[in-house]
Structure formats: C-alpha cells, structure tokens
Protein backbone atom coordinates (compact mmCIF):
# COMPACT_ATOMS: atom_id res chain seq x y z
CA MET A 1 -13.95 18.88 -4.61
CA ASN A 2 -15.71 17.85 -1.66
CA SER A 3 -13.11 16.09 0.76
CA SER A 4 -15.02 16.02 3.80
CA HIS A 5 -15.41 12.31 3.43
CA TYR A 6 -11.81 11.68 3.89
CA PHE A 7 -12.05 12.69 7.37
CA SER A 8 -13.79 11.05 10.72
CA SER A 9 -15.78 13.46 11.61
CA PRO A 10 -17.74 14.65 8.03
CA GLU A 11 -19.19 17.87 7.76
CA GLY A 12 -22.82 18.20 6.75
CA PRO A 13 -26.33 16.46 7.84
CA PHE A 14 -26.32 13.41 8.95
CA LYS A 15 -29.58 12.55 6.59
CA ARG A 16 -29.73 8.87 5.70
CA HIS A 17 -31.31 8.26 1.80
CA ARG A 18 -32.07 4.66 0.05
CA ILE A 19 -30.58 3.57 -3.37
CA GLN A 20 -30.67 0.18 -4.93
CA VAL A 21 -27.72 -0.98 -5.90
CA GLU A 22 -26.19 -4.31 -7.72
CA LEU A 23 -24.52 -6.32 -5.60
CA ALA A 24 -22.53 -9.77 -5.93
CA GLY A 25 -25.42 -10.50 -8.95
CA ARG A 26 -27.93 -9.62 -6.52
CA GLN A 27 -30.84 -6.39 -6.18
CA ALA A 28 -30.16 -4.67 -3.20
CA GLU A 29 -31.45 -2.43 -1.20
CA VAL A 30 -28.87 0.07 0.80
CA VAL A 31 -28.91 3.55 2.97
CA THR A 32 -26.36 6.66 2.18
CA SER A 33 -25.82 9.77 2.76
CA ALA A 34 -23.59 13.02 2.41
CA GLY A 35 -20.43 13.19 3.68
CA ILE A 36 -19.20 9.99 2.51
CA PHE A 37 -17.17 8.78 -0.65
CA SER A 38 -19.59 7.72 -3.43
CA PRO A 39 -23.30 7.90 -1.91
CA ASP A 40 -25.29 7.88 -5.10
CA GLY A 41 -24.45 4.97 -5.99
CA VAL A 42 -21.23 2.88 -7.10
CA ASP A 43 -18.77 4.18 -8.06
CA LYS A 44 -16.87 3.69 -11.89
CA GLY A 45 -13.86 2.46 -9.72
CA THR A 46 -15.52 -0.05 -7.61
CA GLN A 47 -17.48 -1.77 -10.31
CA VAL A 48 -14.29 -2.10 -12.75
CA LEU A 49 -12.81 -4.09 -9.53
CA LEU A 50 -16.22 -5.72 -8.59
CA ARG A 51 -16.14 -7.31 -12.01
CA GLU A 52 -12.58 -7.76 -13.05
CA VAL A 53 -11.18 -9.79 -9.61
CA PRO A 54 -11.66 -13.14 -8.54
CA ASP A 55 -13.54 -14.37 -5.69
CA PRO A 56 -12.27 -14.09 -2.21
CA SER A 57 -11.19 -16.45 -0.52
CA PRO A 58 -13.69 -18.05 0.80
CA SER A 59 -12.79 -18.59 4.76
CA GLY A 60 -10.68 -17.11 6.61
CA HIS A 61 -10.85 -12.54 6.84
CA LEU A 62 -11.07 -10.92 4.19
CA LEU A 63 -10.41 -6.96 4.18
CA ASP A 64 -12.27 -4.26 2.80
CA ILE A 65 -9.69 -0.91 3.26
CA GLY A 66 -11.50 2.10 2.96
CA CYS A 67 -15.13 0.40 3.24
CA GLY A 68 -17.60 3.41 2.83
CA TRP A 69 -21.50 2.51 3.10
CA GLY A 70 -20.12 -0.97 1.93
CA PRO A 71 -20.45 -1.53 -1.69
CA VAL A 72 -17.23 -3.99 -1.67
CA ALA A 73 -17.22 -5.20 1.51
CA LEU A 74 -20.84 -6.30 1.52
CA THR A 75 -19.92 -8.04 -1.64
CA MET A 76 -17.04 -9.62 -0.02
CA ALA A 77 -19.48 -11.26 2.31
CA MET A 78 -22.48 -12.16 0.33
CA LEU A 79 -19.53 -13.85 -1.83
CA SER A 80 -17.69 -15.57 1.09
CA PRO A 81 -20.78 -16.46 3.60
CA GLU A 82 -18.24 -18.75 5.87
CA ALA A 83 -15.59 -15.69 5.80
CA THR A 84 -15.09 -12.85 8.19
CA VAL A 85 -15.09 -9.90 6.56
CA TRP A 86 -13.30 -6.98 7.99
CA ALA A 87 -14.93 -3.13 7.14
CA VAL A 88 -12.58 -0.33 7.72
CA ASP A 89 -12.97 3.40 7.52
CA ILE A 90 -11.66 5.85 9.54
CA ASN A 91 -15.09 7.95 8.68
CA GLU A 92 -17.40 7.42 11.54
CA ARG A 93 -20.62 7.96 9.01
CA ALA A 94 -19.52 5.69 6.55
CA ARG A 95 -18.63 2.80 9.44
CA THR A 96 -22.13 3.56 10.55
CA LEU A 97 -23.99 3.68 7.50
CA CYS A 98 -21.82 0.04 6.53
CA ALA A 99 -22.67 -1.43 9.39
CA GLU A 100 -26.59 -1.18 8.58
CA ASN A 101 -26.55 -1.69 5.47
CA ALA A 102 -24.64 -5.67 6.41
CA ALA A 103 -27.52 -5.96 9.47
CA ALA A 104 -30.03 -4.96 6.80
CA LEU A 105 -29.07 -6.96 3.74
CA GLY A 106 -28.21 -9.99 6.80
CA LEU A 107 -24.65 -10.26 6.27
CA GLU A 108 -23.70 -11.57 10.42
CA ASN A 109 -20.39 -11.93 9.20
CA VAL A 110 -19.14 -8.40 8.52
CA ARG A 111 -17.42 -6.63 11.50
CA VAL A 112 -16.69 -2.82 10.57
CA CYS A 113 -14.32 -1.07 12.36
CA ALA A 114 -12.05 2.24 13.02
CA PRO A 115 -8.83 0.83 12.00
CA ASP A 116 -7.45 1.39 15.39
CA GLU A 117 -9.66 -1.29 16.49
CA MET A 118 -8.57 -4.25 14.32
CA PRO A 119 -7.45 -6.87 16.30
CA GLY A 120 -3.49 -6.64 15.96
CA GLY A 121 -3.15 -10.41 15.53
CA HIS A 122 -5.59 -11.10 12.39
CA ARG A 123 -3.67 -12.32 8.66
CA PHE A 124 -6.24 -11.47 5.63
CA ALA A 125 -6.52 -13.99 3.15
CA THR A 126 -8.07 -11.41 0.58
CA ILE A 127 -7.82 -7.87 0.66
CA TRP A 128 -10.41 -5.55 -1.74
CA SER A 129 -9.56 -1.70 -1.85
CA ASN A 130 -10.92 1.12 -3.96
CA PRO A 131 -8.07 3.09 -1.75
CA PRO A 132 -8.03 6.93 -1.10
CA ILE A 133 -5.82 7.95 -3.58
CA ARG A 134 -6.74 12.24 -3.04
CA ILE A 135 -5.45 11.75 0.31
CA GLY A 136 -1.94 12.22 -0.94
CA LYS A 137 0.85 10.02 -1.70
CA PRO A 138 2.21 10.85 2.17
CA ALA A 139 -0.87 9.44 3.47
CA LEU A 140 -1.63 6.80 1.57
CA HIS A 141 1.77 4.93 1.47
CA GLU A 142 1.01 5.42 5.06
CA LEU A 143 -2.05 2.90 4.27
CA LEU A 144 -0.96 0.64 2.19
CA GLU A 145 1.88 -0.24 4.42
CA LEU A 146 -0.53 -0.66 7.60
CA TRP A 147 -2.73 -3.33 5.77
CA LEU A 148 -0.48 -5.26 2.89
CA PRO A 149 2.29 -6.61 5.01
CA ARG A 150 -0.86 -8.24 6.86
CA LEU A 151 -1.89 -10.54 3.89
CA GLU A 152 -1.40 -14.11 5.44
CA GLU A 153 1.57 -16.30 4.81
CA ALA A 154 1.71 -19.05 1.96
CA PRO A 155 1.15 -22.58 3.98
CA PRO A 156 4.51 -24.32 4.73
CA SER A 157 5.46 -26.87 1.74
CA GLU A 158 4.49 -30.69 2.53
CA PRO A 159 7.94 -32.80 1.73
CA GLY A 160 7.47 -34.42 -1.77
CA SER A 161 5.65 -30.96 -2.91
CA ALA A 162 6.43 -29.19 -6.06
CA GLU A 163 7.57 -26.27 -3.70
CA ALA A 164 9.77 -28.39 -1.43
CA LEU A 165 10.87 -29.74 -4.76
CA ALA A 166 11.93 -26.78 -6.27
CA ARG A 167 13.40 -25.28 -3.09
CA GLU A 168 15.70 -28.71 -3.15
CA ALA A 169 16.73 -28.09 -6.86
CA LYS A 170 17.48 -24.20 -6.49
CA GLU A 171 19.62 -25.34 -3.52
CA ALA A 172 21.59 -28.22 -5.30
CA GLY A 173 22.15 -25.78 -7.76
CA PRO A 174 22.20 -26.39 -11.66
CA ARG A 175 24.61 -29.77 -11.36
CA GLY A 176 22.37 -30.97 -8.81
CA PRO A 177 19.21 -34.21 -9.06
CA VAL A 178 16.28 -32.67 -10.21
CA THR A 179 14.09 -36.24 -10.65
CA GLU A 180 10.72 -34.97 -11.05
CA GLN A 181 9.64 -31.77 -13.78
CA SER A 182 6.94 -30.74 -11.14
CA ALA A 183 10.48 -29.30 -9.10
CA VAL A 184 9.58 -25.93 -11.22
CA GLN A 185 9.01 -22.94 -8.97
CA HIS A 186 5.66 -22.49 -8.49
CA PRO A 187 5.39 -20.98 -5.40
CA ALA A 188 2.39 -21.42 -2.49
CA GLU A 189 -0.13 -19.03 -2.28
CA GLY A 190 -1.02 -17.14 0.83
CA GLY A 191 -3.32 -13.88 0.98
CA SER A 192 -3.88 -11.63 -2.33
CA ALA A 193 -4.59 -7.97 -2.42
CA TRP A 194 -6.78 -6.08 -5.02
CA LEU A 195 -6.71 -2.41 -5.73
CA VAL A 196 -7.88 -0.33 -8.04
CA VAL A 197 -6.17 2.75 -8.90
CA GLN A 198 -7.12 5.21 -11.87
CA LYS A 199 -4.61 5.58 -14.69
CA ASN A 200 -4.48 8.99 -14.58
CA LEU A 201 -4.10 9.74 -11.03
CA GLY A 202 -0.89 7.38 -10.58
CA ALA A 203 -1.88 4.07 -10.97
CA ASP A 204 1.66 2.94 -12.80
CA SER A 205 3.99 4.86 -10.14
CA LEU A 206 2.43 3.37 -7.16
CA LEU A 207 2.89 0.11 -8.53
CA THR A 208 6.32 0.69 -8.68
CA TRP A 209 6.12 2.16 -4.87
CA LEU A 210 4.63 -0.78 -4.24
CA LYS A 211 7.37 -3.15 -5.41
CA SER A 212 9.78 -1.14 -3.86
CA MET A 213 8.18 -1.10 -0.59
CA LEU A 214 7.22 -4.77 -0.74
CA ALA A 215 10.81 -5.86 -1.07
CA VAL A 216 11.72 -4.38 2.47
CA VAL A 217 8.62 -6.09 4.22
CA GLY A 218 9.85 -9.61 2.55
CA ASP A 219 10.86 -11.52 -0.77
CA ASP A 220 7.62 -13.83 -0.18
CA PHE A 221 5.70 -10.16 -1.81
CA ALA A 222 5.29 -9.66 -5.51
CA ALA A 223 2.68 -6.85 -7.14
CA GLU A 224 1.77 -6.39 -10.21
CA ARG A 225 -0.64 -5.08 -12.83
CA ALA A 226 -3.73 -7.66 -13.27
CA ALA A 227 -5.89 -5.44 -15.54
CA SER A 228 -6.70 -2.65 -17.15
CA SER A 229 -10.47 -1.43 -17.44
CA LYS A 230 -12.38 1.92 -18.15
CA GLY A 231 -9.29 4.34 -17.38
CA PHE A 232 -8.25 2.49 -14.59
CA ARG A 233 -5.28 -0.08 -13.06
CA ILE A 234 -5.93 -3.69 -11.34
CA LEU A 235 -3.14 -4.04 -8.91
CA ARG A 236 -2.54 -7.21 -7.47
CA VAL A 237 -0.39 -7.69 -4.26
CA SER A 238 0.14 -11.46 -3.88
CA ARG A 239 2.31 -13.40 -0.94
CA GLY A 240 3.75 -16.91 -1.71
CA SER A 241 6.37 -19.38 -0.10
CA ILE A 242 10.33 -18.40 -0.28
CA ILE A 243 11.88 -20.71 -2.83
C-alpha cells in the first residue's frame, strides 16, 4: 500500500480531478488528487462514521483530525453552519484540496491548517476523525494525545441542578440527606470525540489504550465503544463534570 499520503510532501504529480459525492444528504462536486487519502471518494470507514454518529455541536469549535480532501470537515460545516470547523492534516496537498472544496461549496466556516498552525487556546465541542491507523502505534498515540485532551470541559453545574445535587449526595455519604430523586449521577456534558477504526486494525486495543491514557489526563474523561458496523468500531471519547 502506498503510504505517501501520510507525509507532508506526497509523491507524484499534483493533478486535480473532480468527483461526485454525497455529504450531509447533499450532492457535491469536489476536487481530489493522487497523493492523499482516499482520492476516489468517501472511504468505507468515513462512510460508517458519518452515518453512525450524532450531529456535531451547532456552535463552538469543531475538529476533523486528518482531513484529507475534506469529507468529514465539509459535512460538519454543512450540519453546523454557526460553528467553526478546523480541518487539520500534515499533508499539504490534502490541506490545499480541502480548502478549495470548502470555498467551492460556500462553506465559509471551515479553517484548514497544519497541526502546528492551530491556535493553542481552542477547545473543541466535537471532534470527528478517521485516524491514520497505519502510521503505527507510537505516532497514532502521539496524535490522539495531542488532540483528545482539548475537548471542551463541561459547564459548571448550577446550584440545585442534578449535577450539584449528585455531588452533595456523594459528599454527604450513604447516610446523608437526599431530598430529590434527581440527585443521581448525571454528569453535565462537555465535548465529545468520535473515532472510526477498523476492527481488524486494532480498534479494541486502541480503546483500551484510550481509557488508560485519558485516566491520566483527567477523571472527567471517558471512552467507550459506541457502535459497530461493517467491520468498523465507532469509539467515543466524552468529557463530563466530575462528581
């Protein structure tokens, strides 16, 4: 398999060609090229991701890790026109094509950049990614450690809310007063990330690693297998309030 698309300067001529795809229920013409990931259309893993996950946050900063020519970022931008969608890729050719496709489709809320060009202060309400599994575990782990901890924190709980009542009940202990049935653990939601990984390329072992990595980052993170379809796993990383 040619893996040149994983590098900043892919091999081969940069020759654009146009393809027809469906994104967010809309027919679209996009430009692609050799030297990027899945130049002939939306790959199977990304199709599973776009079909299985809930809509992204309608506002805030959204992130596509490894954007390629843009199927994920463009879909997010169509579904959440009030949000800012960041499309990140190490491959310069992919970034050029993604930016061209966003402009051609009138998606002014897409920002395309290299990883080191991302503003440091941004936190993400939604992350979608078909991560580059074939770059190897060390590089993949480094990539996910860079972006997943940047999910938005959950908003602070208001006095009298379910989150605050649950915290009070926990602090009071098993014999303490619990005055409302809602004083159970329903953490407020922060950002969430959705990753699609082929089962036979280590999806389950990646989930195990995610749980251990995020436990070190903070106890308001959780990771789970959210769905399975056509040989792919959908992994969800979420951030909630600490109770």
